[in-house]
Amino acid sequence: MTETKMKKLPTLDEKVYNAIKENPTATREEVAQIVGITLQRARERIAVLKKKGMLSEVKVLVPLNREVDIKVK
């Protein structure tokens, strides 16, 4: 994300974005806990970030009982 776009984000959106950036496999529930907001609020902010083109959703199938290391550039 460019510095200019980040400066335009409200503080809550920035916190949500950073939580996802730090842990891209986090569920919406985990993002809500990390940021300290309700699940509904996390869903709303993630939807806004997706609409702005700042997040995209990728689904990954992982075998049970396996550790996964996902890196985001």
Protein backbone atom coordinates (compact mmCIF):
# COMPACT_ATOMS: atom_id res chain seq x y z
CA MET A 1 0.00 0.00 0.00
CA THR A 2 1.33 3.39 -0.83
CA GLU A 3 1.98 5.88 1.92
CA THR A 4 -0.55 8.28 0.38
CA LYS A 5 -3.37 5.71 0.49
CA MET A 6 -2.49 4.75 4.06
CA LYS A 7 -2.68 8.38 5.20
CA LYS A 8 -6.21 8.63 3.80
CA LEU A 9 -7.44 5.64 5.82
CA PRO A 10 -9.34 6.24 9.04
CA THR A 11 -7.47 4.93 12.06
CA LEU A 12 -9.75 1.88 12.42
CA ASP A 13 -9.29 0.87 8.78
CA GLU A 14 -5.55 1.25 9.21
CA LYS A 15 -5.62 -1.04 12.25
CA VAL A 16 -7.68 -3.64 10.38
CA TYR A 17 -5.39 -3.42 7.34
CA ASN A 18 -2.27 -3.81 9.49
CA ALA A 19 -3.74 -6.76 11.40
CA ILE A 20 -4.42 -8.55 8.12
CA LYS A 21 -1.02 -7.57 6.72
CA GLU A 22 0.70 -9.05 9.79
CA ASN A 23 -1.38 -12.24 9.71
CA PRO A 24 -2.94 -12.83 6.28
CA THR A 25 -4.48 -16.14 7.39
CA ALA A 26 -6.39 -14.52 10.26
CA THR A 27 -10.13 -15.06 10.27
CA ARG A 28 -12.49 -12.14 10.55
CA GLU A 29 -13.06 -13.17 14.17
CA GLU A 30 -9.31 -13.04 14.85
CA VAL A 31 -8.99 -9.65 13.16
CA ALA A 32 -11.83 -8.36 15.36
CA GLN A 33 -10.04 -9.63 18.49
CA ILE A 34 -6.67 -8.21 17.44
CA VAL A 35 -8.13 -4.77 16.70
CA GLY A 36 -10.56 -4.81 19.65
CA ILE A 37 -13.79 -4.45 17.69
CA THR A 38 -16.90 -6.55 17.15
CA LEU A 39 -17.05 -9.20 14.47
CA GLN A 40 -19.72 -7.17 12.61
CA ARG A 41 -17.52 -4.06 12.64
CA ALA A 42 -14.54 -6.09 11.36
CA ARG A 43 -16.69 -7.45 8.52
CA GLU A 44 -17.79 -3.91 7.60
CA ARG A 45 -14.25 -2.49 7.59
CA ILE A 46 -12.87 -5.44 5.59
CA ALA A 47 -15.67 -4.96 3.04
CA VAL A 48 -14.75 -1.26 2.74
CA LEU A 49 -11.05 -2.09 2.27
CA LYS A 50 -11.95 -4.69 -0.38
CA LYS A 51 -14.19 -2.17 -2.18
CA LYS A 52 -11.35 0.37 -2.18
CA GLY A 53 -9.11 -2.27 -3.79
CA MET A 54 -6.79 -2.42 -0.81
CA LEU A 55 -7.55 -6.05 0.04
CA SER A 56 -8.39 -9.07 -2.04
CA GLU A 57 -9.67 -12.35 -0.73
CA VAL A 58 -7.91 -15.59 -1.60
CA LYS A 59 -9.16 -18.92 -0.34
CA VAL A 60 -6.62 -21.61 0.46
CA LEU A 61 -7.26 -25.29 1.09
CA VAL A 62 -4.91 -26.72 3.70
CA PRO A 63 -4.68 -30.36 4.85
CA LEU A 64 -5.72 -30.81 8.48
CA ASN A 65 -2.98 -30.87 11.10
CA ARG A 66 -0.48 -29.11 8.85
CA GLU A 67 1.34 -25.86 9.47
CA VAL A 68 1.18 -23.37 6.65
CA ASP A 69 3.56 -20.49 6.04
CA ILE A 70 1.96 -17.85 3.84
CA LYS A 71 3.99 -14.83 2.82
CA VAL A 72 2.53 -11.69 1.31
CA LYS A 73 4.58 -9.30 -0.77
